[in-house]
Amino acid sequence: MPDFIKFIVLGISFTAAIGPVTIVTIKHGLERGFWNALITNLGAVLVDAIYLILIFFALTSFFQSQIFSLILGTFGFLLLIYFGICDIKTAFSKNILDKKIKKSAGDSFLTGFIINVTNPLAPIAWLGFYSLFASNPQYNATDISFLPNLGFVIFGAIIWGITISFLSHLGQKFINEKVMKVVSFLAGCLLIFFALYLGYNTFINK
């Protein structure tokens, strides 16, 4: 298998996990369509790209510091709780399909960016990814020539974002008032679950 395909597949694999970003992307796709979902996902992908570049330039000790994890974990916990409560409140409101809020592309992008940048597990996951190649003599992971491979990883993440955005957009055909309430309620519960999980790892399971 060519290296560029390998890195694209790895990019898809590392970003395809069900987490806060995926949940919000799916919800935006069902509510507001393909482009809004994709832009939300691209906000998160930008964070992934920034982390990979910073790790490449050897800022690993910063990402592994307890203060860094505590700050991001606190903000991430509060934001996920907030988004979760908002979704659950939406589920119990009336005529939610008639009250759709048309958010700008900037708002959607910022939502994806904030959710991912305040997740301390994100840089740790990419540190784990990078360590796969830093310890492999086949790759010179500290050389500038390795950067294009990271570009293919991000390309894979974008492919996943396009895929999940398109699939959630197709789901709009089956959406009615009752289904949208269930989706909002489940999305809210999942976001609160991820918030509690993040809070546990940040404040208790150190």
N, C-alpha and C. Protein backbone atom coordinates (compact mmCIF):
# COMPACT_ATOMS: atom_id res chain seq x y z
N MET A 1 0.85 -1.20 0.00
CA MET A 1 0.00 0.00 0.00
C MET A 1 0.89 1.25 0.00
N PRO A 2 0.64 2.19 -0.92
CA PRO A 2 1.43 3.43 -0.94
C PRO A 2 1.29 4.19 0.37
N ASP A 3 2.36 4.88 0.75
CA ASP A 3 2.35 5.59 2.03
C ASP A 3 1.22 6.62 2.12
N PHE A 4 0.94 7.34 1.02
CA PHE A 4 -0.06 8.40 1.11
C PHE A 4 -1.45 7.82 1.40
N ILE A 5 -1.74 6.65 0.85
CA ILE A 5 -3.03 6.00 1.14
C ILE A 5 -3.07 5.55 2.59
N LYS A 6 -1.95 5.04 3.07
CA LYS A 6 -1.87 4.59 4.46
C LYS A 6 -2.16 5.74 5.42
N PHE A 7 -1.60 6.91 5.13
CA PHE A 7 -1.80 8.05 6.02
C PHE A 7 -3.22 8.62 5.90
N ILE A 8 -3.80 8.56 4.72
CA ILE A 8 -5.19 8.99 4.55
C ILE A 8 -6.12 8.09 5.37
N VAL A 9 -5.90 6.78 5.28
CA VAL A 9 -6.71 5.82 6.05
C VAL A 9 -6.54 6.05 7.55
N LEU A 10 -5.31 6.32 7.97
CA LEU A 10 -5.07 6.61 9.39
C LEU A 10 -5.80 7.87 9.83
N GLY A 11 -5.83 8.88 8.96
CA GLY A 11 -6.55 10.11 9.27
C GLY A 11 -8.03 9.86 9.45
N ILE A 12 -8.60 9.01 8.58
CA ILE A 12 -10.01 8.64 8.72
C ILE A 12 -10.24 7.88 10.02
N SER A 13 -9.37 6.93 10.29
CA SER A 13 -9.53 6.07 11.47
C SER A 13 -9.45 6.87 12.77
N PHE A 14 -8.51 7.82 12.83
CA PHE A 14 -8.31 8.56 14.07
C PHE A 14 -9.42 9.57 14.33
N THR A 15 -10.16 9.98 13.30
CA THR A 15 -11.21 10.98 13.50
C THR A 15 -12.61 10.39 13.42
N ALA A 16 -12.72 9.09 13.13
CA ALA A 16 -14.04 8.47 12.95
C ALA A 16 -14.67 8.01 14.26
N ALA A 17 -13.95 8.14 15.35
CA ALA A 17 -14.50 7.70 16.64
C ALA A 17 -15.71 8.56 17.02
N ILE A 18 -16.68 7.91 17.68
CA ILE A 18 -17.86 8.65 18.13
C ILE A 18 -17.47 9.48 19.35
N GLY A 19 -17.51 10.78 19.18
CA GLY A 19 -17.16 11.71 20.24
C GLY A 19 -17.98 12.98 20.10
N PRO A 20 -17.70 14.00 20.91
CA PRO A 20 -18.48 15.24 20.85
C PRO A 20 -18.53 15.87 19.47
N VAL A 21 -17.40 15.90 18.76
CA VAL A 21 -17.37 16.52 17.43
C VAL A 21 -18.29 15.77 16.47
N THR A 22 -18.22 14.44 16.47
CA THR A 22 -19.07 13.65 15.58
C THR A 22 -20.54 13.85 15.91
N ILE A 23 -20.88 13.87 17.20
CA ILE A 23 -22.27 14.05 17.62
C ILE A 23 -22.82 15.39 17.13
N VAL A 24 -22.05 16.46 17.34
CA VAL A 24 -22.49 17.80 16.93
C VAL A 24 -22.57 17.90 15.41
N THR A 25 -21.61 17.28 14.71
CA THR A 25 -21.64 17.29 13.24
C THR A 25 -22.90 16.62 12.72
N ILE A 26 -23.24 15.46 13.26
CA ILE A 26 -24.45 14.75 12.83
C ILE A 26 -25.69 15.57 13.12
N LYS A 27 -25.75 16.15 14.30
CA LYS A 27 -26.92 16.97 14.67
C LYS A 27 -27.07 18.16 13.75
N HIS A 28 -25.97 18.83 13.44
CA HIS A 28 -26.04 19.97 12.53
C HIS A 28 -26.45 19.53 11.12
N GLY A 29 -25.99 18.35 10.70
CA GLY A 29 -26.39 17.85 9.39
C GLY A 29 -27.88 17.58 9.31
N LEU A 30 -28.44 17.00 10.37
CA LEU A 30 -29.87 16.70 10.41
C LEU A 30 -30.70 17.98 10.49
N GLU A 31 -30.20 18.95 11.22
CA GLU A 31 -30.95 20.19 11.43
C GLU A 31 -30.79 21.19 10.29
N ARG A 32 -29.55 21.35 9.84
CA ARG A 32 -29.24 22.49 8.96
C ARG A 32 -28.65 22.12 7.62
N GLY A 33 -28.37 20.83 7.41
CA GLY A 33 -27.90 20.41 6.10
C GLY A 33 -26.41 20.14 6.02
N PHE A 34 -26.00 19.74 4.81
CA PHE A 34 -24.64 19.28 4.56
C PHE A 34 -23.58 20.32 4.87
N TRP A 35 -23.73 21.52 4.32
CA TRP A 35 -22.66 22.51 4.42
C TRP A 35 -22.43 22.95 5.86
N ASN A 36 -23.52 23.11 6.62
CA ASN A 36 -23.36 23.51 8.01
C ASN A 36 -22.64 22.45 8.82
N ALA A 37 -22.98 21.18 8.55
CA ALA A 37 -22.31 20.07 9.24
C ALA A 37 -20.83 20.01 8.87
N LEU A 38 -20.55 20.15 7.57
CA LEU A 38 -19.16 20.07 7.11
C LEU A 38 -18.32 21.20 7.69
N ILE A 39 -18.86 22.41 7.72
CA ILE A 39 -18.11 23.55 8.26
C ILE A 39 -17.84 23.35 9.75
N THR A 40 -18.82 22.79 10.46
CA THR A 40 -18.61 22.47 11.87
C THR A 40 -17.45 21.50 12.03
N ASN A 41 -17.44 20.47 11.19
CA ASN A 41 -16.38 19.47 11.26
C ASN A 41 -15.02 20.05 10.88
N LEU A 42 -15.01 20.96 9.91
CA LEU A 42 -13.75 21.57 9.48
C LEU A 42 -13.13 22.41 10.60
N GLY A 43 -13.99 23.01 11.44
CA GLY A 43 -13.47 23.74 12.59
C GLY A 43 -12.68 22.83 13.52
N ALA A 44 -13.19 21.60 13.69
CA ALA A 44 -12.49 20.62 14.52
C ALA A 44 -11.23 20.11 13.84
N VAL A 45 -11.29 19.94 12.52
CA VAL A 45 -10.12 19.45 11.77
C VAL A 45 -8.98 20.46 11.84
N LEU A 46 -9.31 21.75 11.85
CA LEU A 46 -8.26 22.77 11.96
C LEU A 46 -7.49 22.59 13.27
N VAL A 47 -8.20 22.27 14.34
CA VAL A 47 -7.54 22.02 15.63
C VAL A 47 -6.61 20.82 15.52
N ASP A 48 -7.09 19.75 14.87
CA ASP A 48 -6.24 18.57 14.68
C ASP A 48 -4.96 18.92 13.92
N ALA A 49 -5.11 19.74 12.88
CA ALA A 49 -3.95 20.13 12.07
C ALA A 49 -2.95 20.94 12.91
N ILE A 50 -3.48 21.84 13.74
CA ILE A 50 -2.62 22.66 14.59
C ILE A 50 -1.85 21.77 15.58
N TYR A 51 -2.56 20.81 16.18
CA TYR A 51 -1.91 19.91 17.13
C TYR A 51 -0.80 19.11 16.46
N LEU A 52 -1.07 18.59 15.27
CA LEU A 52 -0.06 17.79 14.57
C LEU A 52 1.18 18.61 14.25
N ILE A 53 0.98 19.84 13.82
CA ILE A 53 2.11 20.71 13.49
C ILE A 53 2.92 21.05 14.75
N LEU A 54 2.20 21.36 15.84
CA LEU A 54 2.90 21.68 17.09
C LEU A 54 3.67 20.48 17.63
N ILE A 55 3.08 19.30 17.52
CA ILE A 55 3.77 18.08 17.96
C ILE A 55 5.01 17.85 17.10
N PHE A 56 4.88 18.10 15.80
CA PHE A 56 6.01 17.93 14.88
C PHE A 56 7.17 18.83 15.30
N PHE A 57 6.84 20.02 15.78
CA PHE A 57 7.89 20.95 16.21
C PHE A 57 8.23 20.79 17.69
N ALA A 58 7.97 19.58 18.22
CA ALA A 58 8.48 19.14 19.53
C ALA A 58 7.92 19.91 20.72
N LEU A 59 6.62 20.14 20.73
CA LEU A 59 5.99 20.74 21.90
C LEU A 59 5.26 19.68 22.73
N THR A 60 5.77 18.46 22.69
CA THR A 60 5.09 17.35 23.36
C THR A 60 5.03 17.54 24.87
N SER A 61 6.07 18.08 25.47
CA SER A 61 6.08 18.24 26.93
C SER A 61 5.00 19.21 27.38
N PHE A 62 4.71 20.21 26.54
CA PHE A 62 3.65 21.18 26.87
C PHE A 62 2.30 20.49 26.90
N PHE A 63 2.02 19.65 25.89
CA PHE A 63 0.73 18.97 25.82
C PHE A 63 0.57 17.96 26.94
N GLN A 64 1.67 17.44 27.46
CA GLN A 64 1.60 16.42 28.50
C GLN A 64 1.58 17.02 29.91
N SER A 65 1.65 18.34 30.01
CA SER A 65 1.68 18.98 31.33
C SER A 65 0.31 18.92 31.98
N GLN A 66 0.30 18.79 33.31
CA GLN A 66 -0.95 18.70 34.07
C GLN A 66 -1.74 20.00 34.01
N ILE A 67 -1.04 21.12 34.02
CA ILE A 67 -1.73 22.42 33.97
C ILE A 67 -2.49 22.56 32.66
N PHE A 68 -1.85 22.19 31.55
CA PHE A 68 -2.50 22.25 30.23
C PHE A 68 -3.76 21.39 30.22
N SER A 69 -3.65 20.16 30.72
CA SER A 69 -4.80 19.25 30.74
C SER A 69 -5.91 19.77 31.64
N LEU A 70 -5.53 20.37 32.78
CA LEU A 70 -6.53 20.87 33.72
C LEU A 70 -7.31 22.05 33.13
N ILE A 71 -6.60 22.97 32.49
CA ILE A 71 -7.25 24.14 31.90
C ILE A 71 -8.21 23.72 30.78
N LEU A 72 -7.71 22.92 29.85
CA LEU A 72 -8.55 22.48 28.74
C LEU A 72 -9.70 21.60 29.24
N GLY A 73 -9.40 20.73 30.20
CA GLY A 73 -10.44 19.85 30.73
C GLY A 73 -11.56 20.62 31.39
N THR A 74 -11.22 21.68 32.12
CA THR A 74 -12.24 22.50 32.79
C THR A 74 -13.13 23.19 31.77
N PHE A 75 -12.53 23.85 30.78
CA PHE A 75 -13.31 24.52 29.76
C PHE A 75 -14.13 23.52 28.95
N GLY A 76 -13.52 22.40 28.60
CA GLY A 76 -14.23 21.39 27.83
C GLY A 76 -15.42 20.84 28.58
N PHE A 77 -15.25 20.56 29.88
CA PHE A 77 -16.33 20.06 30.72
C PHE A 77 -17.50 21.04 30.75
N LEU A 78 -17.21 22.31 30.99
CA LEU A 78 -18.26 23.32 31.08
C LEU A 78 -18.98 23.52 29.75
N LEU A 79 -18.22 23.55 28.66
CA LEU A 79 -18.83 23.76 27.34
C LEU A 79 -19.71 22.59 26.93
N LEU A 80 -19.25 21.36 27.16
CA LEU A 80 -20.04 20.20 26.78
C LEU A 80 -21.31 20.12 27.62
N ILE A 81 -21.22 20.46 28.90
CA ILE A 81 -22.42 20.52 29.75
C ILE A 81 -23.40 21.55 29.19
N TYR A 82 -22.87 22.71 28.82
CA TYR A 82 -23.72 23.79 28.27
C TYR A 82 -24.41 23.35 26.98
N PHE A 83 -23.64 22.80 26.03
CA PHE A 83 -24.23 22.36 24.77
C PHE A 83 -25.24 21.24 25.01
N GLY A 84 -24.94 20.34 25.94
CA GLY A 84 -25.84 19.23 26.24
C GLY A 84 -27.16 19.72 26.80
N ILE A 85 -27.11 20.65 27.75
CA ILE A 85 -28.33 21.20 28.34
C ILE A 85 -29.16 21.94 27.29
N CYS A 86 -28.49 22.69 26.42
CA CYS A 86 -29.20 23.40 25.35
C CYS A 86 -29.95 22.43 24.45
N ASP A 87 -29.31 21.31 24.10
CA ASP A 87 -29.95 20.32 23.24
C ASP A 87 -31.14 19.67 23.93
N ILE A 88 -31.00 19.36 25.21
CA ILE A 88 -32.11 18.74 25.95
C ILE A 88 -33.27 19.73 26.09
N LYS A 89 -32.98 21.01 26.33
CA LYS A 89 -34.04 22.02 26.39
C LYS A 89 -34.75 22.12 25.05
N THR A 90 -33.99 22.03 23.96
CA THR A 90 -34.60 22.07 22.62
C THR A 90 -35.55 20.90 22.43
N ALA A 91 -35.18 19.73 22.95
CA ALA A 91 -36.01 18.53 22.79
C ALA A 91 -37.37 18.69 23.44
N PHE A 92 -37.47 19.53 24.46
CA PHE A 92 -38.74 19.70 25.16
C PHE A 92 -39.48 20.97 24.75
N SER A 93 -38.96 21.68 23.75
CA SER A 93 -39.65 22.87 23.26
C SER A 93 -40.65 22.48 22.18
N LYS A 94 -41.54 23.37 21.86
CA LYS A 94 -42.59 23.09 20.87
C LYS A 94 -42.18 23.59 19.50
N ASN A 95 -42.63 22.86 18.48
CA ASN A 95 -42.42 23.26 17.08
C ASN A 95 -40.95 23.55 16.79
N ILE A 96 -40.08 22.61 17.16
CA ILE A 96 -38.65 22.89 17.01
C ILE A 96 -38.22 22.95 15.55
N LEU A 97 -38.97 22.29 14.66
CA LEU A 97 -38.62 22.37 13.24
C LEU A 97 -38.93 23.74 12.67
N ASP A 98 -39.89 24.43 13.28
CA ASP A 98 -40.23 25.78 12.82
C ASP A 98 -39.34 26.84 13.46
N LYS A 99 -38.55 26.41 14.46
CA LYS A 99 -37.71 27.36 15.19
C LYS A 99 -36.23 27.14 14.92
N LYS A 100 -35.92 26.52 13.81
CA LYS A 100 -34.51 26.28 13.50
C LYS A 100 -33.75 27.60 13.44
N ILE A 101 -32.63 27.61 14.08
CA ILE A 101 -31.79 28.80 14.06
C ILE A 101 -30.78 28.66 12.93
N LYS A 102 -30.85 29.57 11.99
CA LYS A 102 -29.90 29.53 10.88
C LYS A 102 -28.61 30.22 11.31
N LYS A 103 -27.65 29.43 11.64
CA LYS A 103 -26.37 29.98 12.09
C LYS A 103 -25.47 30.21 10.90
N SER A 104 -24.62 31.20 11.04
CA SER A 104 -23.69 31.52 9.97
C SER A 104 -22.60 30.46 9.91
N ALA A 105 -21.86 30.47 8.79
CA ALA A 105 -20.75 29.53 8.63
C ALA A 105 -19.72 29.75 9.73
N GLY A 106 -19.51 31.01 10.10
CA GLY A 106 -18.54 31.31 11.15
C GLY A 106 -18.94 30.72 12.49
N ASP A 107 -20.24 30.78 12.81
CA ASP A 107 -20.72 30.21 14.07
C ASP A 107 -20.52 28.70 14.10
N SER A 108 -20.83 28.04 12.99
CA SER A 108 -20.68 26.58 12.91
C SER A 108 -19.21 26.19 13.02
N PHE A 109 -18.35 26.91 12.31
CA PHE A 109 -16.91 26.65 12.34
C PHE A 109 -16.38 26.81 13.76
N LEU A 110 -16.83 27.88 14.43
CA LEU A 110 -16.35 28.16 15.79
C LEU A 110 -16.81 27.09 16.77
N THR A 111 -18.03 26.57 16.56
CA THR A 111 -18.53 25.51 17.44
C THR A 111 -17.63 24.28 17.37
N GLY A 112 -17.32 23.83 16.15
CA GLY A 112 -16.44 22.68 15.98
C GLY A 112 -15.05 22.93 16.53
N PHE A 113 -14.55 24.14 16.30
CA PHE A 113 -13.21 24.50 16.77
C PHE A 113 -13.14 24.46 18.29
N ILE A 114 -14.12 25.10 18.95
CA ILE A 114 -14.10 25.21 20.41
C ILE A 114 -14.24 23.84 21.07
N ILE A 115 -15.17 23.02 20.55
CA ILE A 115 -15.38 21.69 21.14
C ILE A 115 -14.09 20.87 21.08
N ASN A 116 -13.37 20.95 19.99
CA ASN A 116 -12.15 20.15 19.84
C ASN A 116 -10.96 20.75 20.59
N VAL A 117 -10.85 22.06 20.58
CA VAL A 117 -9.67 22.68 21.20
C VAL A 117 -9.74 22.60 22.72
N THR A 118 -10.94 22.44 23.28
CA THR A 118 -11.07 22.33 24.74
C THR A 118 -11.12 20.88 25.20
N ASN A 119 -10.83 19.96 24.30
CA ASN A 119 -10.79 18.54 24.65
C ASN A 119 -9.33 18.11 24.86
N PRO A 120 -8.89 17.91 26.11
CA PRO A 120 -7.49 17.57 26.34
C PRO A 120 -7.12 16.19 25.82
N LEU A 121 -8.13 15.37 25.49
CA LEU A 121 -7.83 14.05 24.94
C LEU A 121 -7.36 14.13 23.49
N ALA A 122 -7.71 15.24 22.80
CA ALA A 122 -7.35 15.37 21.39
C ALA A 122 -5.83 15.41 21.18
N PRO A 123 -5.09 16.30 21.88
CA PRO A 123 -3.63 16.30 21.66
C PRO A 123 -2.98 15.01 22.12
N ILE A 124 -3.55 14.38 23.16
CA ILE A 124 -2.98 13.11 23.64
C ILE A 124 -3.14 12.03 22.57
N ALA A 125 -4.31 12.03 21.91
CA ALA A 125 -4.54 11.05 20.84
C ALA A 125 -3.55 11.25 19.70
N TRP A 126 -3.31 12.51 19.33
CA TRP A 126 -2.37 12.77 18.23
C TRP A 126 -0.93 12.52 18.66
N LEU A 127 -0.63 12.68 19.95
CA LEU A 127 0.69 12.30 20.44
C LEU A 127 0.91 10.80 20.27
N GLY A 128 -0.14 10.03 20.58
CA GLY A 128 -0.07 8.58 20.39
C GLY A 128 0.12 8.22 18.94
N PHE A 129 -0.60 8.94 18.07
CA PHE A 129 -0.47 8.70 16.63
C PHE A 129 0.96 8.98 16.18
N TYR A 130 1.50 10.12 16.61
CA TYR A 130 2.83 10.52 16.15
C TYR A 130 3.91 9.57 16.66
N SER A 131 3.69 9.03 17.86
CA SER A 131 4.69 8.12 18.43
C SER A 131 4.82 6.84 17.61
N LEU A 132 3.77 6.48 16.86
CA LEU A 132 3.83 5.30 16.01
C LEU A 132 4.96 5.42 14.98
N PHE A 133 5.19 6.65 14.53
CA PHE A 133 6.17 6.87 13.47
C PHE A 133 7.49 7.40 14.00
N ALA A 134 7.44 8.07 15.16
CA ALA A 134 8.68 8.58 15.75
C ALA A 134 9.60 7.43 16.14
N SER A 135 9.00 6.28 16.48
CA SER A 135 9.80 5.12 16.90
C SER A 135 10.03 4.13 15.77
N ASN A 136 9.57 4.48 14.57
CA ASN A 136 9.70 3.59 13.41
C ASN A 136 10.87 4.05 12.54
N PRO A 137 11.91 3.23 12.40
CA PRO A 137 13.08 3.64 11.61
C PRO A 137 12.77 3.84 10.13
N GLN A 138 11.62 3.32 9.69
CA GLN A 138 11.24 3.49 8.28
C GLN A 138 10.92 4.94 7.96
N TYR A 139 10.49 5.69 8.99
CA TYR A 139 10.10 7.08 8.79
C TYR A 139 11.01 8.00 9.60
N ASN A 140 11.40 9.10 9.00
CA ASN A 140 12.15 10.12 9.74
C ASN A 140 11.14 11.18 10.18
N ALA A 141 10.45 10.88 11.30
CA ALA A 141 9.32 11.69 11.72
C ALA A 141 9.70 13.08 12.20
N THR A 142 10.99 13.35 12.38
CA THR A 142 11.42 14.67 12.82
C THR A 142 11.95 15.52 11.66
N ASP A 143 11.98 14.95 10.47
CA ASP A 143 12.49 15.67 9.31
C ASP A 143 11.35 16.39 8.60
N ILE A 144 11.67 17.52 7.99
CA ILE A 144 10.66 18.32 7.30
C ILE A 144 9.98 17.53 6.18
N SER A 145 10.65 16.52 5.66
CA SER A 145 10.09 15.70 4.59
C SER A 145 8.90 14.86 5.06
N PHE A 146 8.70 14.77 6.39
CA PHE A 146 7.58 14.00 6.93
C PHE A 146 6.28 14.80 6.94
N LEU A 147 6.39 16.12 6.80
CA LEU A 147 5.21 16.99 6.86
C LEU A 147 4.12 16.63 5.84
N PRO A 148 4.46 16.31 4.57
CA PRO A 148 3.41 15.93 3.62
C PRO A 148 2.56 14.76 4.11
N ASN A 149 3.18 13.84 4.85
CA ASN A 149 2.42 12.71 5.40
C ASN A 149 1.35 13.19 6.38
N LEU A 150 1.69 14.20 7.16
CA LEU A 150 0.71 14.78 8.08
C LEU A 150 -0.41 15.46 7.30
N GLY A 151 -0.06 16.02 6.14
CA GLY A 151 -1.08 16.60 5.27
C GLY A 151 -2.07 15.55 4.79
N PHE A 152 -1.58 14.36 4.47
CA PHE A 152 -2.46 13.27 4.05
C PHE A 152 -3.36 12.81 5.21
N VAL A 153 -2.84 12.86 6.42
CA VAL A 153 -3.65 12.52 7.60
C VAL A 153 -4.82 13.49 7.72
N ILE A 154 -4.54 14.78 7.58
CA ILE A 154 -5.59 15.79 7.66
C ILE A 154 -6.58 15.63 6.50
N PHE A 155 -6.08 15.26 5.33
CA PHE A 155 -6.95 15.01 4.19
C PHE A 155 -7.91 13.87 4.51
N GLY A 156 -7.41 12.83 5.17
CA GLY A 156 -8.26 11.73 5.60
C GLY A 156 -9.32 12.19 6.57
N ALA A 157 -8.95 13.09 7.49
CA ALA A 157 -9.92 13.63 8.45
C ALA A 157 -11.01 14.42 7.73
N ILE A 158 -10.62 15.14 6.68
CA ILE A 158 -11.60 15.91 5.90
C ILE A 158 -12.54 14.97 5.15
N ILE A 159 -12.00 13.88 4.60
CA ILE A 159 -12.83 12.88 3.92
C ILE A 159 -13.89 12.33 4.87
N TRP A 160 -13.47 12.03 6.10
CA TRP A 160 -14.44 11.54 7.09
C TRP A 160 -15.49 12.61 7.38
N GLY A 161 -15.07 13.87 7.50
CA GLY A 161 -16.01 14.96 7.75
C GLY A 161 -17.03 15.09 6.64
N ILE A 162 -16.58 14.99 5.39
CA ILE A 162 -17.49 15.05 4.24
C ILE A 162 -18.47 13.88 4.29
N THR A 163 -17.97 12.70 4.61
CA THR A 163 -18.81 11.50 4.64
C THR A 163 -19.90 11.60 5.69
N ILE A 164 -19.53 11.93 6.92
CA ILE A 164 -20.52 11.99 8.00
C ILE A 164 -21.49 13.15 7.79
N SER A 165 -21.02 14.24 7.19
CA SER A 165 -21.90 15.38 6.91
C SER A 165 -22.93 15.01 5.84
N PHE A 166 -22.48 14.29 4.81
CA PHE A 166 -23.37 13.89 3.73
C PHE A 166 -24.41 12.89 4.23
N LEU A 167 -23.97 11.92 5.03
CA LEU A 167 -24.91 10.91 5.54
C LEU A 167 -25.95 11.53 6.46
N SER A 168 -25.53 12.46 7.31
CA SER A 168 -26.49 13.12 8.19
C SER A 168 -27.44 14.02 7.40
N HIS A 169 -26.93 14.62 6.32
CA HIS A 169 -27.78 15.43 5.44
C HIS A 169 -28.87 14.57 4.80
N LEU A 170 -28.51 13.36 4.36
CA LEU A 170 -29.50 12.46 3.78
C LEU A 170 -30.58 12.11 4.79
N GLY A 171 -30.21 12.10 6.06
CA GLY A 171 -31.18 11.76 7.10
C GLY A 171 -32.28 12.79 7.26
N GLN A 172 -32.10 13.99 6.67
CA GLN A 172 -33.13 15.02 6.75
C GLN A 172 -34.45 14.56 6.15
N LYS A 173 -34.39 13.64 5.18
CA LYS A 173 -35.60 13.15 4.52
C LYS A 173 -36.53 12.45 5.50
N PHE A 174 -35.96 11.92 6.57
CA PHE A 174 -36.75 11.12 7.51
C PHE A 174 -37.05 11.89 8.80
N ILE A 175 -36.75 13.19 8.78
CA ILE A 175 -36.91 13.98 10.00
C ILE A 175 -38.30 14.59 10.09
N ASN A 176 -38.95 14.38 11.23
CA ASN A 176 -40.17 15.09 11.56
C ASN A 176 -40.02 15.65 12.98
N GLU A 177 -41.07 16.27 13.48
CA GLU A 177 -41.00 16.91 14.80
C GLU A 177 -40.57 15.93 15.89
N LYS A 178 -41.18 14.75 15.91
CA LYS A 178 -40.91 13.77 16.96
C LYS A 178 -39.47 13.25 16.87
N VAL A 179 -39.03 12.93 15.64
CA VAL A 179 -37.68 12.41 15.44
C VAL A 179 -36.64 13.45 15.85
N MET A 180 -36.88 14.71 15.48
CA MET A 180 -35.92 15.77 15.80
C MET A 180 -35.80 15.98 17.30
N LYS A 181 -36.92 15.81 18.01
CA LYS A 181 -36.87 15.93 19.47
C LYS A 181 -36.03 14.80 20.08
N VAL A 182 -36.22 13.59 19.55
CA VAL A 182 -35.44 12.44 20.03
C VAL A 182 -33.96 12.65 19.75
N VAL A 183 -33.64 13.13 18.53
CA VAL A 183 -32.25 13.39 18.15
C VAL A 183 -31.62 14.43 19.08
N SER A 184 -32.35 15.52 19.34
CA SER A 184 -31.84 16.58 20.21
C SER A 184 -31.62 16.06 21.63
N PHE A 185 -32.57 15.25 22.12
CA PHE A 185 -32.45 14.72 23.47
C PHE A 185 -31.25 13.78 23.59
N LEU A 186 -31.13 12.86 22.62
CA LEU A 186 -30.01 11.90 22.65
C LEU A 186 -28.67 12.62 22.50
N ALA A 187 -28.63 13.61 21.60
CA ALA A 187 -27.39 14.38 21.41
C ALA A 187 -27.00 15.08 22.71
N GLY A 188 -28.00 15.68 23.37
CA GLY A 188 -27.73 16.35 24.64
C GLY A 188 -27.22 15.41 25.70
N CYS A 189 -27.86 14.23 25.80
CA CYS A 189 -27.43 13.23 26.79
C CYS A 189 -26.01 12.74 26.50
N LEU A 190 -25.69 12.53 25.23
CA LEU A 190 -24.35 12.06 24.87
C LEU A 190 -23.29 13.12 25.18
N LEU A 191 -23.62 14.38 24.91
CA LEU A 191 -22.66 15.45 25.19
C LEU A 191 -22.42 15.57 26.70
N ILE A 192 -23.48 15.41 27.49
CA ILE A 192 -23.31 15.45 28.94
C ILE A 192 -22.51 14.24 29.42
N PHE A 193 -22.75 13.08 28.79
CA PHE A 193 -21.96 11.89 29.13
C PHE A 193 -20.47 12.13 28.87
N PHE A 194 -20.15 12.70 27.70
CA PHE A 194 -18.75 13.00 27.38
C PHE A 194 -18.19 14.05 28.34
N ALA A 195 -19.04 15.00 28.76
CA ALA A 195 -18.60 16.01 29.72
C ALA A 195 -18.24 15.36 31.06
N LEU A 196 -19.09 14.44 31.53
CA LEU A 196 -18.83 13.76 32.79
C LEU A 196 -17.58 12.88 32.70
N TYR A 197 -17.42 12.21 31.55
CA TYR A 197 -16.23 11.39 31.33
C TYR A 197 -14.97 12.25 31.35
N LEU A 198 -15.07 13.40 30.67
CA LEU A 198 -13.93 14.32 30.63
C LEU A 198 -13.66 14.88 32.03
N GLY A 199 -14.73 15.23 32.75
CA GLY A 199 -14.57 15.75 34.10
C GLY A 199 -13.94 14.74 35.03
N TYR A 200 -14.34 13.48 34.90
CA TYR A 200 -13.77 12.41 35.73
C TYR A 200 -12.27 12.29 35.49
N ASN A 201 -11.88 12.28 34.21
CA ASN A 201 -10.46 12.13 33.87
C ASN A 201 -9.65 13.38 34.22
N THR A 202 -10.31 14.53 34.24
CA THR A 202 -9.61 15.78 34.52
C THR A 202 -9.43 16.02 36.02
N PHE A 203 -10.50 15.77 36.79
CA PHE A 203 -10.49 16.16 38.20
C PHE A 203 -10.30 14.99 39.18
N ILE A 204 -10.63 13.79 38.76
CA ILE A 204 -10.60 12.65 39.69
C ILE A 204 -9.52 11.64 39.33
N ASN A 205 -9.58 11.15 38.10
CA ASN A 205 -8.66 10.09 37.67
C ASN A 205 -7.39 10.67 37.09
N LYS A 206 -6.63 11.39 37.89
CA LYS A 206 -5.41 12.05 37.41
C LYS A 206 -4.25 11.07 37.37
